[in-house]
Each structure stands twice: as structure tokens, then as C-alpha cells.
Amino acid sequence: MIAFPFPTTARMKQIWTRRKAMVVAVVLLVGGGVLGAVRYSNRAPTMPTFEVKRGEFIDSVQFRGEVKAMKSATISAPAEAGDLQIVKIVADGTPVKQGDVVVEFDKTKTEQDLAQDRSTLKSAQAEIDQAQAQARLTEEEDLTAVMKARFDVETAKLDASKQEIVSKIEGAEANLKVADAEQKLHEVEEKLKADRAVNQATVESKTQASKKAAYDVQRAEHALSRMTLQAPSAGTISLVSMWHPGGESPFKPGDRAWPGAPMAELPDISSLRVSARADETERGRLALKQTVSAQLDAIPDRQFTGQIEQISTIATIDFSAGWPIPRNFNLEIALDQTDARLKPGMTAQLTVVVDRVPDALTIPVQASFQKSGQTVAYVWEGSKFQERVIAIGRRNRDRILVANGLRPGDRVALKDPSVKE
């Protein structure tokens, strides 16, 4: 019989210590694996998500608008002027009082024209005086000739009355002298009439020339007075943009304007309205007196409210909306508030709340996607996104009311996780 040596106490402790270390290592390894698996199964998504919650869904219509003045005074260049060069023009948006200078034109050419017209008027008046003096002189000469001719006729008739006591020959000669004198009288009387007509026509012609010169003087004086355009009332100047070779822009100093060109407008602040265009699909959801929220781009620190004052009954083509050209309806919104900073041309974001749905399940528009003809959302479940079909009840520009397919607390992806970047 073979005898085996029995391990010593020290040896037994050493073996036991090693076994304990191995058991602890195995436990730690298994525990770490389980913890890692749990953590992996509950890891956070790597893309932005949104937590689905219940709340009020606001069904609204949004569109862009522009502030316009329904009434305004137009400040235009003088229509009777010729060459117009701008020397001074106030800046757009400048507040003015009645009588303040808005535009000044170069007066040099108009002053020269006025001096020339005045000189022409003076010459025309002098020609009238000369024509009238010549007419009086001719009239006197013709009247003298008529008087002499009449005297000669009477003398000839007196001589002819002696034919009873003179020879027949002398009587015949006397009768011939009477005829000659009467013919002479007829001629000078006709000349008197003709000279009067000629003199009258000459004076009339000179008078017409003088009237034209006087009209030219008045026109030049009026044009000169219009070389400085003043504000007809107090308000804020809105310069009118016109097409120039370099594009559309308001007039500026140094530019040349054509007669009658609109330079600026002085809007009536009480007539300011926000003009907008609504799509055909939105027209049926809008009505008169609906409340409108207006956020003006140029006045970001204030929220305006108003009401729909007018909706066109016929849709018109909106050429400014790009291709394809849409047909939409014109809207006019009257604002409830006034502000000194308001002026025509400002743009605004308009919102009309058409309905409110309480306790609604909503998600952002960017959390829904179209897949195979269905609307889906990607819900984070454990360690990955799961595609889920959803039913849409309503939608506005930013939010979607979910009728079915999601629950409160679900986290949905705001980007399509199936698309690899």
C-alpha cells in the first residue's frame, strides 16, 4: 500500500486563497458583462430626439406680409421743368414737419430759362407798342386821305352843278372829275379798311407772342419755385424706389430725374395696413375679424396684433411667388397698435390661430417621415430606433397632431436614422 503525503496547514491556506481569488475574478467578470449588457441596452441615442408629451395643439395659418399705406401724399418732381438734377434729398425714414425741405434740385438751368423768357416777354411788349404806334400813324394818314378825297368829291360836284351855264364839253369834263373823285374816295376808304385790318392783325399777332412769353415766364417761375420740394404735412419720409441702369433704388444726390417723377411718399400713419396674400388652400380657413399676430422683422422687440379687415373675393395670379405661378387671395390686416417705427415697406410674419385642441399628442414636423406611402416616426426603444407608423390628425407649419401610433414619453428621432450620413 502506497502512502500519500497529507498537505500541511500552510499548504491548505494557500490553495484556499487561490480558489477564492478565482471565484471573485469569475464573479467580477460575470457581473461586469451583465452590467455592460444592461448599460448597452439602455444607452442614449446619438442623434437629437424629442420626448412626446401631451399639450395644447394650436392650429394656425402663417404667411408673410408687407406694411403699406392706404393713403399717402406723393412728392413729385415738377412736371413743367426740363433738366432736373438732385442737389439734396433727405434719407429714407427721416421724420419731417410740414414745410421741411425734402428735395432740392439744381436751379441754374431754370433760372437761365426764366431770364430768357422775361427778356422775350419784354421784347414782345415792345413790339406790341411799336405795332400800335405804327397803326395809329397809318390810321391818321388814311383818314387824312379820306377827308381830302371827300373834299375833292364835293368840289367836283360843285363844279358839275354849273353845267347849265357852261358849255357841254366843260359840263362833261366836270362830270368826269366827279366820277374820278368818287373813285378816289372809294379807293382811300378801302385802303383805310385794309390798313385797319392789317394793323389789327399785326397787333393781335404781337399780343399772342406776348401772351406766350408771359406764360413761359409764369411756367419758369412756377418751376423755379418747385425746385425745392417741401413736406405737405408732418410724417416720416418714404423714398420711392425706381428702376435705374444699376437696378432698383431710390433717388440720391447727383441723380437726374425726369419731369413729374415720384420722389418720395408721406404716408398717413392712420391708414397703415399689413398687406398679404393667402394660398387657395388657406382661404377657406380665414374670415373677416379674425385675430392676427404680426411679428415685424424690423421691430423684433414688439409683438403686434390686428384683425383681418378685407379678403379679396377672387384669386389673382401672384407673379412674385416664383414658378409655378400660384393663384392666391389678397388680405388686408388692420393693426391694433401704433408705433413711431412703423413705416411702409416693412415685412412681417403673420399668424392666424384658427383652432385650439387641448390635451393633444404632438411632435415636431421634422420628426415625421414618408416611407412607402405611409407617415412614420422612429421611436427609441432600448438600444435602437424602431420604425412606427403614425396617423396624423392635423398639422400646422411647425407641429403635427398625432392621432395614433405614439404614446406620451416616447422619444422620437428628429432625423431619419436609416439614412447614413
Protein backbone atom coordinates (compact mmCIF):
# COMPACT_ATOMS: atom_id res chain seq x y z
CA MET A 1 0.00 0.00 0.00
CA ILE A 2 1.32 3.31 -1.11
CA ALA A 3 1.01 6.18 1.33
CA PHE A 4 0.33 9.77 0.03
CA PRO A 5 1.64 12.71 1.97
CA PHE A 6 -1.06 14.81 3.73
CA PRO A 7 -0.87 18.56 2.85
CA THR A 8 0.25 20.81 5.60
CA THR A 9 -1.87 23.60 7.09
CA ALA A 10 0.10 26.30 5.25
CA ARG A 11 -0.37 24.49 2.02
CA MET A 12 -4.14 24.26 2.58
CA LYS A 13 -4.41 28.04 3.22
CA GLN A 14 -2.50 28.77 0.04
CA ILE A 15 -4.84 26.59 -2.05
CA TRP A 16 -7.91 28.09 -0.44
CA THR A 17 -6.70 31.65 -1.12
CA ARG A 18 -6.13 30.88 -4.79
CA ARG A 19 -9.60 29.38 -5.15
CA LYS A 20 -11.20 32.43 -3.52
CA ALA A 21 -9.34 34.74 -5.89
CA MET A 22 -10.52 32.68 -8.88
CA VAL A 23 -14.15 32.77 -7.66
CA VAL A 24 -14.00 36.55 -7.12
CA ALA A 25 -12.50 37.03 -10.57
CA VAL A 26 -15.23 34.95 -12.17
CA VAL A 27 -17.94 36.83 -10.26
CA LEU A 28 -16.49 40.19 -11.25
CA LEU A 29 -16.19 39.11 -14.86
CA VAL A 30 -19.78 37.86 -14.99
CA GLY A 31 -21.06 40.96 -13.16
CA GLY A 32 -19.17 43.29 -15.48
CA GLY A 33 -20.59 41.51 -18.50
CA VAL A 34 -24.12 41.75 -17.15
CA LEU A 35 -23.67 45.43 -16.22
CA GLY A 36 -22.21 46.15 -19.65
CA ALA A 37 -25.13 44.42 -21.32
CA VAL A 38 -27.59 46.40 -19.20
CA ARG A 39 -25.82 49.63 -19.95
CA TYR A 40 -25.68 48.82 -23.68
CA SER A 41 -29.37 48.00 -23.74
CA ASN A 42 -30.13 51.37 -22.06
CA ARG A 43 -27.64 53.58 -23.89
CA ALA A 44 -28.73 57.04 -25.03
CA PRO A 45 -29.37 57.77 -28.74
CA THR A 46 -26.60 59.51 -30.66
CA MET A 47 -28.90 61.84 -32.64
CA PRO A 48 -31.32 64.54 -31.45
CA THR A 49 -34.69 63.30 -30.21
CA PHE A 50 -37.95 64.71 -28.92
CA GLU A 51 -39.99 63.41 -26.00
CA VAL A 52 -43.65 63.02 -26.87
CA LYS A 53 -45.90 64.92 -24.45
CA ARG A 54 -49.49 65.97 -24.24
CA GLY A 55 -50.36 69.64 -24.53
CA GLU A 56 -52.40 72.19 -26.44
CA PHE A 57 -52.17 71.97 -30.22
CA ILE A 58 -52.57 75.33 -31.94
CA ASP A 59 -53.91 75.02 -35.48
CA SER A 60 -52.72 78.15 -37.28
CA VAL A 61 -52.14 79.65 -40.70
CA GLN A 62 -48.93 81.55 -41.29
CA PHE A 63 -47.92 83.78 -44.17
CA ARG A 64 -45.75 86.79 -45.00
CA GLY A 65 -47.00 90.36 -45.29
CA GLU A 66 -45.83 93.89 -46.01
CA VAL A 67 -46.79 97.17 -44.37
CA LYS A 68 -48.48 99.54 -46.81
CA ALA A 69 -50.18 102.92 -46.51
CA MET A 70 -53.69 103.06 -47.94
CA LYS A 71 -53.41 106.87 -48.04
CA SER A 72 -50.26 108.85 -48.70
CA ALA A 73 -49.13 112.15 -50.20
CA THR A 74 -46.76 111.77 -53.14
CA ILE A 75 -43.93 114.29 -53.51
CA SER A 76 -43.07 114.50 -57.23
CA ALA A 77 -40.59 116.40 -59.38
CA PRO A 78 -42.06 119.46 -61.16
CA ALA A 79 -43.81 118.41 -64.36
CA GLU A 80 -43.05 121.68 -66.18
CA ALA A 81 -39.29 121.59 -65.63
CA GLY A 82 -36.71 120.36 -68.07
CA ASP A 83 -33.33 119.16 -66.84
CA LEU A 84 -33.60 118.14 -63.16
CA GLN A 85 -30.51 117.27 -61.16
CA ILE A 86 -30.89 116.44 -57.48
CA VAL A 87 -28.71 118.53 -55.17
CA LYS A 88 -30.20 117.35 -51.89
CA ILE A 89 -32.68 114.68 -50.79
CA VAL A 90 -33.45 113.52 -47.26
CA ALA A 91 -32.68 109.98 -46.18
CA ASP A 92 -35.35 107.29 -46.18
CA GLY A 93 -37.25 107.17 -42.90
CA THR A 94 -36.48 110.78 -41.95
CA PRO A 95 -39.19 112.36 -39.72
CA VAL A 96 -40.25 115.75 -41.11
CA LYS A 97 -42.55 118.60 -40.17
CA GLN A 98 -44.85 120.48 -42.50
CA GLY A 99 -42.79 122.77 -44.71
CA ASP A 100 -39.48 120.96 -44.20
CA VAL A 101 -37.32 120.65 -47.32
CA VAL A 102 -37.42 117.13 -48.76
CA VAL A 103 -35.74 117.54 -52.17
CA GLU A 104 -33.69 120.33 -53.75
CA PHE A 105 -32.89 120.48 -57.48
CA ASP A 106 -30.22 122.47 -59.28
CA LYS A 107 -31.81 125.85 -60.15
CA THR A 108 -29.16 127.09 -62.61
CA LYS A 109 -30.83 125.98 -65.84
CA THR A 110 -34.31 127.05 -64.69
CA GLU A 111 -33.02 130.49 -63.67
CA GLN A 112 -31.43 130.87 -67.10
CA ASP A 113 -34.68 129.86 -68.80
CA LEU A 114 -36.61 132.35 -66.65
CA ALA A 115 -34.23 135.19 -67.58
CA GLN A 116 -34.58 134.31 -71.27
CA ASP A 117 -38.39 134.14 -71.04
CA ARG A 118 -38.53 137.51 -69.26
CA SER A 119 -36.35 139.05 -71.98
CA THR A 120 -38.63 137.57 -74.66
CA LEU A 121 -41.69 138.98 -72.87
CA LYS A 122 -40.13 142.43 -72.69
CA SER A 123 -39.28 142.32 -76.41
CA ALA A 124 -42.81 141.15 -77.26
CA GLN A 125 -44.32 144.04 -75.30
CA ALA A 126 -42.04 146.48 -77.10
CA GLU A 127 -43.11 145.06 -80.45
CA ILE A 128 -46.77 145.50 -79.45
CA ASP A 129 -46.13 149.16 -78.58
CA GLN A 130 -44.32 149.65 -81.89
CA ALA A 131 -47.12 147.97 -83.88
CA GLN A 132 -49.77 150.04 -82.13
CA ALA A 133 -47.82 153.28 -82.82
CA GLN A 134 -47.43 152.33 -86.48
CA ALA A 135 -51.14 151.51 -86.67
CA ARG A 136 -52.07 154.92 -85.27
CA LEU A 137 -49.77 156.65 -87.78
CA THR A 138 -51.22 154.69 -90.71
CA GLU A 139 -54.73 155.36 -89.42
CA GLU A 140 -54.10 159.09 -89.35
CA GLU A 141 -52.63 159.09 -92.86
CA ASP A 142 -55.57 157.07 -94.22
CA LEU A 143 -58.14 159.31 -92.51
CA THR A 144 -56.43 162.39 -93.95
CA ALA A 145 -56.54 160.86 -97.42
CA VAL A 146 -60.24 160.02 -96.99
CA MET A 147 -61.04 163.56 -95.87
CA LYS A 148 -59.16 165.00 -98.83
CA ALA A 149 -60.91 162.60 -101.22
CA ARG A 150 -64.29 163.58 -99.82
CA PHE A 151 -63.40 167.23 -100.23
CA ASP A 152 -62.39 166.59 -103.83
CA VAL A 153 -65.70 164.82 -104.45
CA GLU A 154 -67.66 167.76 -103.08
CA THR A 155 -65.56 170.20 -105.14
CA ALA A 156 -66.10 168.16 -108.29
CA LYS A 157 -69.83 168.00 -107.64
CA LEU A 158 -69.92 171.75 -107.13
CA ASP A 159 -68.18 172.29 -110.47
CA ALA A 160 -70.53 169.83 -112.16
CA SER A 161 -73.55 171.74 -110.88
CA LYS A 162 -72.52 174.68 -113.16
CA GLN A 163 -73.09 172.68 -116.37
CA GLU A 164 -76.25 174.64 -117.13
CA ILE A 165 -74.22 177.81 -117.59
CA VAL A 166 -71.13 176.32 -119.24
CA SER A 167 -70.62 174.50 -122.45
CA LYS A 168 -71.47 170.85 -122.82
CA ILE A 169 -67.79 170.00 -123.07
CA GLU A 170 -66.98 171.68 -119.78
CA GLY A 171 -70.03 170.02 -118.19
CA ALA A 172 -68.89 166.59 -119.36
CA GLU A 173 -65.43 167.24 -118.03
CA ALA A 174 -66.92 168.26 -114.69
CA ASN A 175 -68.93 165.02 -114.53
CA LEU A 176 -65.77 163.02 -115.27
CA LYS A 177 -63.97 164.81 -112.45
CA VAL A 178 -66.82 163.87 -110.09
CA ALA A 179 -66.52 160.22 -111.09
CA ASP A 180 -62.76 160.33 -110.64
CA ALA A 181 -63.10 161.94 -107.22
CA GLU A 182 -65.68 159.40 -106.10
CA GLN A 183 -63.42 156.54 -107.34
CA LYS A 184 -60.51 158.06 -105.48
CA LEU A 185 -62.68 158.35 -102.35
CA HIS A 186 -63.69 154.68 -102.66
CA GLU A 187 -60.05 153.65 -103.01
CA VAL A 188 -58.85 155.55 -99.95
CA GLU A 189 -61.80 154.26 -97.91
CA GLU A 190 -60.91 150.66 -98.92
CA LYS A 191 -57.29 151.35 -98.07
CA LEU A 192 -58.41 152.63 -94.67
CA LYS A 193 -60.30 149.38 -94.05
CA ALA A 194 -57.41 147.24 -95.30
CA ASP A 195 -54.82 149.08 -93.20
CA ARG A 196 -57.04 148.80 -90.14
CA ALA A 197 -57.34 145.01 -90.69
CA VAL A 198 -53.59 144.64 -91.24
CA ASN A 199 -52.74 146.74 -88.19
CA GLN A 200 -55.24 144.84 -86.06
CA ALA A 201 -53.80 141.50 -87.21
CA THR A 202 -50.25 142.72 -86.56
CA VAL A 203 -51.10 143.92 -83.06
CA GLU A 204 -53.00 140.69 -82.37
CA SER A 205 -50.03 138.62 -83.51
CA LYS A 206 -47.68 140.61 -81.28
CA THR A 207 -50.17 140.24 -78.40
CA GLN A 208 -50.30 136.47 -78.83
CA ALA A 209 -46.50 136.32 -78.84
CA SER A 210 -46.52 138.42 -75.67
CA LYS A 211 -49.07 136.09 -74.03
CA LYS A 212 -46.93 133.08 -74.88
CA ALA A 213 -43.87 134.80 -73.44
CA ALA A 214 -45.85 135.69 -70.30
CA TYR A 215 -46.98 132.04 -69.99
CA ASP A 216 -43.38 130.87 -70.37
CA VAL A 217 -42.36 133.30 -67.64
CA GLN A 218 -45.10 132.05 -65.30
CA ARG A 219 -44.19 128.44 -66.03
CA ALA A 220 -40.50 129.11 -65.40
CA GLU A 221 -41.32 130.98 -62.19
CA HIS A 222 -43.50 128.08 -61.04
CA ALA A 223 -40.80 125.58 -61.98
CA LEU A 224 -38.24 127.64 -60.08
CA SER A 225 -40.48 127.64 -57.03
CA ARG A 226 -40.77 123.84 -57.36
CA MET A 227 -37.02 123.34 -57.42
CA THR A 228 -37.38 122.95 -53.66
CA LEU A 229 -39.94 120.31 -52.65
CA GLN A 230 -41.39 120.66 -49.16
CA ALA A 231 -43.31 118.26 -46.94
CA PRO A 232 -47.06 118.97 -47.20
CA SER A 233 -47.59 117.65 -43.67
CA ALA A 234 -45.75 116.09 -40.77
CA GLY A 235 -44.74 112.44 -41.01
CA THR A 236 -41.96 110.05 -41.95
CA ILE A 237 -40.48 110.19 -45.44
CA SER A 238 -40.54 107.01 -47.52
CA LEU A 239 -38.37 107.31 -50.63
CA VAL A 240 -39.77 105.75 -53.79
CA SER A 241 -37.57 103.13 -55.47
CA MET A 242 -37.26 103.50 -59.24
CA TRP A 243 -35.53 101.46 -61.92
CA HIS A 244 -32.08 102.82 -62.79
CA PRO A 245 -29.36 101.39 -65.03
CA GLY A 246 -27.78 99.86 -61.91
CA GLY A 247 -31.01 98.36 -60.59
CA GLU A 248 -33.94 99.44 -58.43
CA SER A 249 -33.15 102.06 -55.81
CA PRO A 250 -34.36 105.45 -54.53
CA PHE A 251 -33.03 108.69 -55.97
CA LYS A 252 -29.88 110.12 -54.39
CA PRO A 253 -27.93 113.41 -54.67
CA GLY A 254 -26.40 113.80 -58.12
CA ASP A 255 -29.07 111.73 -59.91
CA ARG A 256 -31.15 113.22 -62.70
CA ALA A 257 -34.91 112.95 -62.55
CA TRP A 258 -37.48 113.30 -65.28
CA PRO A 259 -40.35 115.81 -65.03
CA GLY A 260 -43.14 114.51 -62.81
CA ALA A 261 -41.07 111.62 -61.41
CA PRO A 262 -42.32 110.45 -57.96
CA MET A 263 -39.55 111.13 -55.44
CA ALA A 264 -40.99 110.25 -52.05
CA GLU A 265 -44.19 109.46 -50.22
CA LEU A 266 -45.51 110.83 -46.96
CA PRO A 267 -47.83 108.08 -45.70
CA ASP A 268 -50.80 108.69 -43.49
CA ILE A 269 -49.89 106.69 -40.37
CA SER A 270 -53.55 106.16 -39.53
CA SER A 271 -54.03 104.34 -42.86
CA LEU A 272 -51.20 101.81 -42.43
CA ARG A 273 -52.25 98.24 -43.14
CA VAL A 274 -50.39 94.93 -43.49
CA SER A 275 -50.99 93.55 -46.96
CA ALA A 276 -50.55 89.82 -47.57
CA ARG A 277 -51.51 87.01 -49.92
CA ALA A 278 -53.07 83.73 -48.78
CA ASP A 279 -52.96 80.46 -50.69
CA GLU A 280 -56.15 78.97 -52.13
CA THR A 281 -55.91 76.07 -49.66
CA GLU A 282 -55.82 78.50 -46.73
CA ARG A 283 -58.56 80.86 -47.93
CA GLY A 284 -61.37 78.68 -46.55
CA ARG A 285 -59.87 78.78 -43.05
CA LEU A 286 -59.76 82.58 -42.92
CA ALA A 287 -62.57 85.00 -42.14
CA LEU A 288 -63.08 88.69 -41.52
CA LYS A 289 -62.39 89.96 -37.98
CA GLN A 290 -60.10 87.01 -37.19
CA THR A 291 -57.30 87.95 -34.80
CA VAL A 292 -53.84 88.11 -36.37
CA SER A 293 -50.46 88.12 -34.63
CA ALA A 294 -47.83 90.12 -36.51
CA GLN A 295 -44.11 90.00 -35.90
CA LEU A 296 -42.36 92.71 -37.91
CA ASP A 297 -38.84 91.85 -38.98
CA ALA A 298 -37.63 95.43 -38.40
CA ILE A 299 -39.23 95.68 -34.92
CA PRO A 300 -38.28 92.38 -33.25
CA ASP A 301 -38.80 93.70 -29.71
CA ARG A 302 -42.56 94.11 -30.05
CA GLN A 303 -45.46 91.81 -30.90
CA PHE A 304 -48.36 93.39 -32.81
CA THR A 305 -51.93 92.17 -33.07
CA GLY A 306 -54.64 93.02 -35.54
CA GLN A 307 -57.70 91.80 -37.40
CA ILE A 308 -58.39 90.71 -40.96
CA GLU A 309 -60.11 93.74 -42.44
CA GLN A 310 -60.51 92.63 -46.05
CA ILE A 311 -60.23 89.42 -48.11
CA SER A 312 -60.45 89.55 -51.89
CA THR A 313 -63.29 87.52 -53.35
CA ILE A 314 -61.35 86.48 -56.45
CA ALA A 315 -57.96 84.75 -56.54
CA THR A 316 -55.34 86.52 -58.65
CA ILE A 317 -52.04 85.38 -60.09
CA ASP A 318 -49.03 86.19 -57.90
CA PHE A 319 -46.10 86.72 -60.27
CA SER A 320 -43.74 87.47 -57.37
CA ALA A 321 -44.04 83.97 -55.90
CA GLY A 322 -41.88 82.20 -58.47
CA TRP A 323 -42.62 79.21 -60.68
CA PRO A 324 -45.12 77.61 -60.87
CA ILE A 325 -47.09 80.84 -60.58
CA PRO A 326 -49.75 80.43 -57.86
CA ARG A 327 -53.20 81.96 -57.58
CA ASN A 328 -53.97 83.41 -54.19
CA PHE A 329 -56.11 85.95 -52.34
CA ASN A 330 -55.23 89.46 -51.18
CA LEU A 331 -55.59 90.20 -47.47
CA GLU A 332 -55.51 93.47 -45.55
CA ILE A 333 -54.85 93.41 -41.81
CA ALA A 334 -55.55 96.43 -39.59
CA LEU A 335 -53.15 96.60 -36.63
CA ASP A 336 -54.44 97.32 -33.13
CA GLN A 337 -51.27 99.14 -32.06
CA THR A 338 -49.29 102.08 -33.46
CA ASP A 339 -45.56 102.64 -33.32
CA ALA A 340 -43.40 105.53 -34.47
CA ARG A 341 -41.07 102.99 -36.08
CA LEU A 342 -43.77 101.62 -38.37
CA LYS A 343 -43.37 102.60 -41.99
CA PRO A 344 -44.36 101.27 -45.41
CA GLY A 345 -42.20 98.53 -46.89
CA MET A 346 -41.58 96.65 -43.63
CA THR A 347 -42.13 92.90 -43.82
CA ALA A 348 -43.93 90.80 -41.21
CA GLN A 349 -44.62 87.20 -40.24
CA LEU A 350 -48.38 86.82 -39.77
CA THR A 351 -50.10 84.08 -37.76
CA VAL A 352 -53.84 83.40 -37.59
CA VAL A 353 -54.98 80.88 -34.96
CA VAL A 354 -57.95 79.02 -36.47
CA ASP A 355 -58.41 76.37 -33.73
CA ARG A 356 -57.02 75.07 -30.43
CA VAL A 357 -57.03 71.37 -29.45
CA PRO A 358 -56.38 70.70 -25.71
CA ASP A 359 -54.55 67.64 -24.37
CA ALA A 360 -53.20 66.71 -27.79
CA LEU A 361 -50.26 64.44 -28.57
CA THR A 362 -47.91 66.45 -30.78
CA ILE A 363 -44.47 66.11 -32.33
CA PRO A 364 -42.35 68.48 -34.44
CA VAL A 365 -42.83 68.30 -38.19
CA GLN A 366 -39.24 67.16 -38.65
CA ALA A 367 -39.96 64.05 -36.52
CA SER A 368 -42.21 62.53 -39.21
CA PHE A 369 -41.03 60.84 -42.40
CA GLN A 370 -42.62 59.38 -45.51
CA LYS A 371 -41.85 55.71 -46.12
CA SER A 372 -43.62 53.58 -48.73
CA GLY A 373 -46.58 55.93 -48.84
CA GLN A 374 -47.02 55.98 -45.06
CA THR A 375 -46.09 58.51 -42.38
CA VAL A 376 -43.70 57.03 -39.83
CA ALA A 377 -41.75 58.08 -36.77
CA TYR A 378 -38.62 56.49 -35.34
CA VAL A 379 -39.04 55.63 -31.64
CA TRP A 380 -36.04 54.89 -29.41
CA GLU A 381 -36.54 51.52 -27.78
CA GLY A 382 -33.72 50.26 -25.60
CA SER A 383 -30.66 50.49 -27.81
CA LYS A 384 -32.03 51.40 -31.23
CA PHE A 385 -34.73 53.22 -33.14
CA GLN A 386 -37.82 51.32 -34.20
CA GLU A 387 -39.89 52.45 -37.18
CA ARG A 388 -43.51 53.04 -36.22
CA VAL A 389 -46.44 54.06 -38.48
CA ILE A 390 -48.36 57.05 -37.16
CA ALA A 391 -51.72 58.62 -38.05
CA ILE A 392 -51.80 62.42 -38.44
CA GLY A 393 -54.86 64.27 -37.18
CA ARG A 394 -53.81 67.82 -38.08
CA ARG A 395 -50.71 69.74 -38.85
CA ASN A 396 -49.52 73.30 -38.92
CA ARG A 397 -46.25 74.81 -40.07
CA ASP A 398 -44.24 73.51 -37.09
CA ARG A 399 -46.20 70.77 -35.31
CA ILE A 400 -48.15 67.59 -36.05
CA LEU A 401 -51.09 66.31 -34.02
CA VAL A 402 -50.65 62.53 -33.77
CA ALA A 403 -53.96 60.65 -33.73
CA ASN A 404 -52.46 57.17 -33.36
CA GLY A 405 -49.10 55.41 -33.20
CA LEU A 406 -47.29 57.15 -30.33
CA ARG A 407 -47.57 57.34 -26.54
CA PRO A 408 -46.57 60.02 -24.06
CA GLY A 409 -42.96 59.53 -23.04
CA ASP A 410 -41.83 58.07 -26.36
CA ARG A 411 -38.63 59.59 -27.72
CA VAL A 412 -38.72 60.14 -31.47
CA ALA A 413 -35.83 60.94 -33.76
CA LEU A 414 -35.64 64.39 -35.32
CA LYS A 415 -33.57 62.95 -38.18
CA ASP A 416 -34.03 59.80 -40.21
CA PRO A 417 -31.75 57.20 -38.50
CA SER A 418 -31.98 54.89 -41.51
CA VAL A 419 -30.11 57.40 -43.66
CA LYS A 420 -26.36 57.10 -43.30
CA GLU A 421 -24.52 60.37 -43.37
